Amino acid sequence: MGEETVKVFADPFFARMLGSVSRELSLVDFQLVMLTLHSPRDHYTVSRYLRSGHVDGALFVSMHGRLDFDYESLGIPVVLCGRPVAGGATLSYVDADNTGGAGAAVRYLLDNGRTAVATIAGPPDMAVGIDRLLGYRQALCAAGVLDPGMIAYGDFSTMSGQHALLRLIDHRPGLDAVFAASDLMAAGALHALRRLGRRVPRDVAVIGFDDLPAAQLTDPGLTTVRQPVGAMGTRMVTEILAQIADPGREPSRVVLDTQLILRGSALRSLAPASTALPQDSPANPDLPATRSSAGVFGTH
């Protein structure tokens, strides 16, 4: 996991991913070992462990681009959760269609009469942050209304969502919609809007990304982009087992579809319950699944 331990246990995304991976590995009698790597020292320690001969393969989740990690020198099968920020031509990865999902969310807001759509983007050193921001920008550019002053950044945490929303309101008080790159940041934005007396969705619509269980518990319920976290974990295990069985296997790049889940935070009327809208453009097709076996967990 490419995050600090406290964040891994605080963000429900990691629990869902770990649960999915652990279940799949248990079916083939492989033990999951979780390692966290956040600092250069962590990278050295983890690299040394992975080269020790005690593991069969490594899954990396939530890796940041600011610290290069030499995956190819490990000498074991590797699969990433999410595309690498740079390079990685020889690496396999499993991802959600972050660009398409973000674009679908922003187009929904525009199609429903929102004219000043801001975003709380994820970390710019992570592919997931880059791709969701790209989807936001593409949708607004197509509509001819992109405003760089409507972009603020967070770290996927609730508190960072609150702070980013306050910055956005300070610079663009007329905003009428917010696309947050994670549900936790969207929840923080909802809290900040309530403190400011802004009504959701009447004054400001809010959409998140993930569809964590907590998205149904916010007030109002959170409209969000559902990414298939469980399916991503399952596919990562399939790919790592295939590599272990066939070390010369060609790298695979799998991108899974997302869905826009409509709830009260972005509806003109609060009457409809949760509704799923598939995004307009299909994601990259899955490559055929294969079978085999694996060991360590690396990084969202």
Protein backbone atom coordinates (compact mmCIF):
# COMPACT_ATOMS: atom_id res chain seq x y z
CA MET A 1 0.00 0.00 0.00
CA GLY A 2 1.53 3.30 -1.05
CA GLU A 3 0.03 5.23 1.88
CA GLU A 4 0.67 5.82 5.56
CA THR A 5 -0.73 3.07 7.77
CA VAL A 6 -3.23 5.42 9.47
CA LYS A 7 -4.73 6.35 6.08
CA VAL A 8 -4.99 2.71 5.00
CA PHE A 9 -7.14 1.95 8.05
CA ALA A 10 -9.17 5.18 7.79
CA ASP A 11 -10.21 4.95 4.11
CA PRO A 12 -12.90 2.29 3.38
CA PHE A 13 -11.53 1.84 -0.14
CA PHE A 14 -8.58 -0.10 1.23
CA ALA A 15 -10.74 -2.38 3.37
CA ARG A 16 -12.83 -3.31 0.34
CA MET A 17 -9.75 -3.92 -1.82
CA LEU A 18 -7.99 -5.97 0.86
CA GLY A 19 -11.12 -8.04 1.49
CA SER A 20 -11.52 -8.85 -2.21
CA VAL A 21 -7.87 -9.77 -2.71
CA SER A 22 -7.70 -11.83 0.48
CA ARG A 23 -10.80 -13.84 -0.44
CA GLU A 24 -9.50 -14.68 -3.89
CA LEU A 25 -6.06 -15.70 -2.63
CA SER A 26 -7.53 -17.90 0.10
CA LEU A 27 -9.25 -19.99 -2.60
CA VAL A 28 -5.83 -21.06 -3.91
CA ASP A 29 -4.10 -21.32 -0.51
CA PHE A 30 -2.01 -18.19 -0.81
CA GLN A 31 -1.43 -15.94 2.19
CA LEU A 32 -1.81 -12.18 1.86
CA VAL A 33 0.85 -10.02 3.54
CA MET A 34 0.16 -6.28 3.71
CA LEU A 35 3.07 -3.84 3.56
CA THR A 36 2.86 -0.04 3.58
CA LEU A 37 5.36 2.19 1.83
CA HIS A 38 5.17 5.95 2.12
CA SER A 39 8.72 7.24 2.58
CA PRO A 40 12.01 6.58 0.75
CA ARG A 41 13.06 4.45 3.73
CA ASP A 42 9.87 2.37 3.37
CA HIS A 43 10.64 1.85 -0.31
CA TYR A 44 14.10 0.49 0.56
CA THR A 45 12.73 -1.82 3.25
CA VAL A 46 9.91 -3.15 1.09
CA SER A 47 12.19 -3.64 -1.93
CA ARG A 48 14.62 -5.65 0.18
CA TYR A 49 11.78 -7.83 1.52
CA LEU A 50 10.31 -8.47 -1.92
CA ARG A 51 13.72 -9.55 -3.22
CA SER A 52 14.26 -11.93 -0.29
CA GLY A 53 12.64 -14.93 -1.96
CA HIS A 54 9.81 -15.17 0.58
CA VAL A 55 7.00 -14.01 -1.74
CA ASP A 56 5.58 -15.26 -5.03
CA GLY A 57 4.27 -11.94 -6.35
CA ALA A 58 3.27 -8.41 -5.38
CA LEU A 59 0.14 -6.31 -5.85
CA PHE A 60 0.71 -2.56 -5.55
CA VAL A 61 -2.19 -0.27 -4.62
CA SER A 62 -2.33 3.56 -4.34
CA MET A 63 1.19 4.27 -5.51
CA HIS A 64 2.31 7.89 -5.83
CA GLY A 65 4.52 9.10 -8.68
CA ARG A 66 6.66 11.38 -6.54
CA LEU A 67 8.78 8.44 -5.35
CA ASP A 68 9.95 6.13 -8.12
CA PHE A 69 9.74 2.44 -7.33
CA ASP A 70 11.82 0.05 -9.41
CA TYR A 71 9.23 -2.68 -9.98
CA GLU A 72 11.12 -4.39 -12.76
CA SER A 73 14.21 -5.09 -10.63
CA LEU A 74 12.22 -7.07 -8.03
CA GLY A 75 12.42 -10.29 -9.99
CA ILE A 76 8.86 -11.36 -9.12
CA PRO A 77 5.46 -10.99 -10.83
CA VAL A 78 3.90 -7.56 -10.21
CA VAL A 79 0.41 -6.16 -10.85
CA LEU A 80 -0.60 -2.56 -10.12
CA CYS A 81 -4.00 -1.27 -9.04
CA GLY A 82 -4.28 1.68 -11.39
CA ARG A 83 -2.07 2.62 -14.27
CA PRO A 84 1.46 3.82 -13.46
CA VAL A 85 1.91 7.60 -13.58
CA ALA A 86 4.83 7.29 -15.97
CA GLY A 87 6.54 4.47 -17.84
CA GLY A 88 5.49 0.99 -16.84
CA ALA A 89 5.41 -0.36 -20.40
CA THR A 90 6.25 -3.84 -19.09
CA LEU A 91 3.86 -3.75 -16.11
CA SER A 92 0.38 -5.22 -15.79
CA TYR A 93 -2.36 -3.18 -14.16
CA VAL A 94 -6.07 -3.23 -13.39
CA ASP A 95 -7.90 0.09 -13.25
CA ALA A 96 -11.35 1.67 -13.31
CA ASP A 97 -12.31 4.07 -16.11
CA ASN A 98 -11.55 7.15 -14.05
CA THR A 99 -11.57 9.58 -16.96
CA GLY A 100 -14.85 8.30 -18.35
CA GLY A 101 -16.51 8.16 -14.94
CA ALA A 102 -15.54 11.73 -14.08
CA GLY A 103 -16.67 12.95 -17.48
CA ALA A 104 -20.05 11.25 -17.07
CA ALA A 105 -20.54 12.94 -13.68
CA VAL A 106 -19.72 16.41 -15.00
CA ARG A 107 -21.87 15.98 -18.11
CA TYR A 108 -24.79 14.98 -15.89
CA LEU A 109 -24.38 18.20 -13.90
CA LEU A 110 -24.21 20.31 -17.05
CA ASP A 111 -27.17 18.53 -18.64
CA ASN A 112 -29.22 19.30 -15.53
CA GLY A 113 -28.67 23.02 -15.69
CA ARG A 114 -25.55 23.53 -13.57
CA THR A 115 -23.40 26.29 -15.03
CA ALA A 116 -20.53 26.72 -12.55
CA VAL A 117 -19.08 23.25 -11.86
CA ALA A 118 -16.05 23.06 -9.58
CA THR A 119 -13.93 20.05 -8.73
CA ILE A 120 -12.01 18.81 -5.71
CA ALA A 121 -9.31 16.83 -7.48
CA GLY A 122 -7.15 14.08 -6.05
CA PRO A 123 -3.36 14.19 -5.60
CA PRO A 124 -1.64 15.25 -8.84
CA ASP A 125 1.11 12.65 -8.31
CA MET A 126 -1.36 9.75 -8.62
CA ALA A 127 -2.80 8.43 -11.88
CA VAL A 128 -6.27 8.27 -10.33
CA GLY A 129 -6.07 11.97 -9.43
CA ILE A 130 -4.75 12.88 -12.88
CA ASP A 131 -7.34 10.84 -14.78
CA ARG A 132 -10.40 12.04 -12.84
CA LEU A 133 -9.28 15.64 -13.26
CA LEU A 134 -8.79 14.97 -16.99
CA GLY A 135 -12.37 13.70 -17.28
CA TYR A 136 -13.63 16.85 -15.53
CA ARG A 137 -11.60 19.10 -17.82
CA GLN A 138 -12.62 17.30 -21.00
CA ALA A 139 -16.33 17.58 -20.19
CA LEU A 140 -16.11 21.30 -19.40
CA CYS A 141 -13.89 22.04 -22.40
CA ALA A 142 -16.44 20.34 -24.66
CA ALA A 143 -19.09 22.63 -23.17
CA GLY A 144 -16.83 25.67 -23.48
CA VAL A 145 -17.01 26.57 -19.78
CA LEU A 146 -13.70 25.42 -18.26
CA ASP A 147 -12.47 27.79 -15.52
CA PRO A 148 -9.09 26.91 -13.92
CA GLY A 149 -10.16 28.80 -10.81
CA MET A 150 -12.78 26.12 -10.14
CA ILE A 151 -10.15 23.46 -9.38
CA ALA A 152 -8.93 22.69 -5.86
CA TYR A 153 -6.93 19.70 -4.65
CA GLY A 154 -7.31 17.27 -1.78
CA ASP A 155 -5.74 14.02 -0.60
CA PHE A 156 -8.92 11.88 -0.73
CA SER A 157 -9.66 12.52 2.96
CA THR A 158 -12.82 14.09 4.44
CA MET A 159 -10.92 16.99 6.00
CA SER A 160 -9.19 17.84 2.73
CA GLY A 161 -12.62 17.95 1.06
CA GLN A 162 -13.85 20.48 3.63
CA HIS A 163 -10.80 22.70 3.22
CA ALA A 164 -10.92 22.52 -0.58
CA LEU A 165 -14.62 23.46 -0.67
CA LEU A 166 -13.98 26.51 1.50
CA ARG A 167 -11.16 27.60 -0.82
CA LEU A 168 -13.40 27.17 -3.85
CA ILE A 169 -16.25 29.17 -2.32
CA ASP A 170 -13.80 31.91 -1.36
CA HIS A 171 -12.59 32.23 -4.97
CA ARG A 172 -15.80 31.35 -6.82
CA PRO A 173 -18.78 32.11 -4.53
CA GLY A 174 -21.23 31.54 -7.39
CA LEU A 175 -20.40 27.87 -7.94
CA ASP A 176 -23.50 25.67 -8.19
CA ALA A 177 -21.98 22.18 -8.41
CA VAL A 178 -18.96 20.25 -7.13
CA PHE A 179 -17.46 17.06 -8.50
CA ALA A 180 -15.20 15.53 -5.83
CA ALA A 181 -12.71 12.86 -6.86
CA SER A 182 -13.59 10.66 -3.87
CA ASP A 183 -16.60 10.03 -1.66
CA LEU A 184 -14.70 11.06 1.46
CA MET A 185 -13.83 14.43 -0.08
CA ALA A 186 -17.44 14.80 -1.22
CA ALA A 187 -18.60 14.12 2.35
CA GLY A 188 -16.23 16.84 3.54
CA ALA A 189 -17.67 19.22 0.95
CA LEU A 190 -21.22 18.45 2.13
CA HIS A 191 -20.20 19.27 5.69
CA ALA A 192 -18.61 22.57 4.65
CA LEU A 193 -21.63 23.55 2.55
CA ARG A 194 -23.93 22.89 5.51
CA ARG A 195 -21.77 25.13 7.72
CA LEU A 196 -21.97 27.87 5.07
CA GLY A 197 -25.76 27.60 4.82
CA ARG A 198 -25.66 26.37 1.22
CA ARG A 199 -28.50 23.93 0.48
CA VAL A 200 -27.71 20.66 -1.31
CA PRO A 201 -28.75 20.10 -4.02
CA ARG A 202 -30.87 23.27 -4.41
CA ASP A 203 -27.96 25.70 -4.17
CA VAL A 204 -25.03 23.38 -4.88
CA ALA A 205 -25.08 19.86 -6.32
CA VAL A 206 -22.38 17.44 -5.16
CA ILE A 207 -21.07 14.26 -6.81
CA GLY A 208 -18.37 11.97 -5.42
CA PHE A 209 -16.42 9.01 -6.75
CA ASP A 210 -16.16 5.44 -5.34
CA ASP A 211 -19.66 4.58 -4.05
CA LEU A 212 -18.48 3.64 -0.60
CA PRO A 213 -21.17 2.38 1.82
CA ALA A 214 -21.05 5.75 3.58
CA ALA A 215 -22.31 7.43 0.39
CA GLN A 216 -25.80 6.19 1.26
CA LEU A 217 -25.60 7.61 4.78
CA THR A 218 -24.84 11.25 4.01
CA ASP A 219 -27.62 13.83 4.17
CA PRO A 220 -28.72 14.01 1.41
CA GLY A 221 -27.54 10.69 -0.02
CA LEU A 222 -24.45 11.14 -2.16
CA THR A 223 -24.63 10.92 -5.94
CA THR A 224 -21.38 9.23 -6.92
CA VAL A 225 -19.45 7.33 -9.56
CA ARG A 226 -19.27 3.66 -8.63
CA GLN A 227 -15.97 1.98 -9.31
CA PRO A 228 -15.95 -1.84 -9.11
CA VAL A 229 -13.44 -2.20 -6.27
CA GLY A 230 -14.27 -5.85 -5.59
CA ALA A 231 -13.98 -6.76 -9.27
CA MET A 232 -10.69 -4.88 -9.50
CA GLY A 233 -9.27 -6.89 -6.60
CA THR A 234 -10.49 -10.15 -8.14
CA ARG A 235 -8.97 -9.31 -11.51
CA MET A 236 -5.64 -8.30 -9.94
CA VAL A 237 -5.41 -11.71 -8.28
CA THR A 238 -6.29 -13.44 -11.57
CA GLU A 239 -3.50 -11.54 -13.31
CA ILE A 240 -0.85 -12.16 -10.64
CA LEU A 241 -1.67 -15.87 -10.54
CA ALA A 242 -1.39 -16.03 -14.31
CA GLN A 243 2.04 -14.39 -14.18
CA ILE A 244 3.24 -16.80 -11.50
CA ALA A 245 2.13 -19.75 -13.63
CA ASP A 246 3.68 -18.25 -16.78
CA PRO A 247 6.55 -15.83 -16.00
CA GLY A 248 6.92 -14.96 -19.70
CA ARG A 249 3.31 -13.83 -20.04
CA GLU A 250 2.72 -10.54 -21.84
CA PRO A 251 1.66 -7.60 -19.61
CA SER A 252 -2.09 -6.98 -19.41
CA ARG A 253 -3.89 -3.64 -19.02
CA VAL A 254 -7.45 -4.01 -17.82
CA VAL A 255 -9.83 -1.06 -17.41
CA LEU A 256 -13.24 -1.74 -15.87
CA ASP A 257 -16.41 0.29 -16.40
CA THR A 258 -17.83 2.75 -13.87
CA GLN A 259 -21.45 3.78 -13.21
CA LEU A 260 -23.03 7.05 -12.16
CA ILE A 261 -25.24 6.35 -9.11
CA LEU A 262 -27.90 9.03 -8.63
CA ARG A 263 -28.95 10.02 -5.11
CA GLY A 264 -30.25 13.19 -3.50
CA SER A 265 -27.10 15.33 -3.54
CA ALA A 266 -27.32 16.06 -7.28
CA LEU A 267 -31.00 15.60 -8.11
CA ARG A 268 -33.37 18.45 -8.94
CA SER A 269 -36.05 16.40 -7.21
CA LEU A 270 -35.27 14.30 -4.15
CA ALA A 271 -38.05 11.80 -4.91
CA PRO A 272 -36.17 9.07 -6.84
CA ALA A 273 -34.15 6.55 -4.87
CA SER A 274 -30.70 5.39 -5.87
CA THR A 275 -30.43 4.98 -9.64
CA ALA A 276 -27.54 3.71 -11.73
CA LEU A 277 -26.58 5.27 -15.03
CA PRO A 278 -23.87 3.52 -17.06
CA GLN A 279 -21.37 5.89 -18.61
CA ASP A 280 -21.73 6.67 -22.30
CA SER A 281 -18.40 5.37 -23.58
CA PRO A 282 -17.23 1.80 -22.89
CA ALA A 283 -13.99 1.20 -21.06
CA ASN A 284 -11.12 -0.75 -22.58
CA PRO A 285 -12.12 -4.42 -23.00
CA ASP A 286 -10.91 -6.94 -20.45
CA LEU A 287 -8.25 -9.36 -21.55
CA PRO A 288 -9.09 -13.07 -21.11
CA ALA A 289 -8.70 -14.24 -17.51
CA THR A 290 -6.25 -16.97 -16.62
CA ARG A 291 -5.53 -19.02 -13.49
CA SER A 292 -2.49 -19.52 -11.16
CA SER A 293 -1.13 -18.06 -7.62
CA ALA A 294 0.30 -15.05 -5.34
CA GLY A 295 1.73 -13.44 -2.19
CA VAL A 296 2.36 -9.79 -1.14
CA PHE A 297 0.21 -6.66 -1.27
CA GLY A 298 1.80 -3.45 -2.20
CA THR A 299 -0.51 0.01 -3.00
CA HIS A 300 -5.62 3.35 -4.60
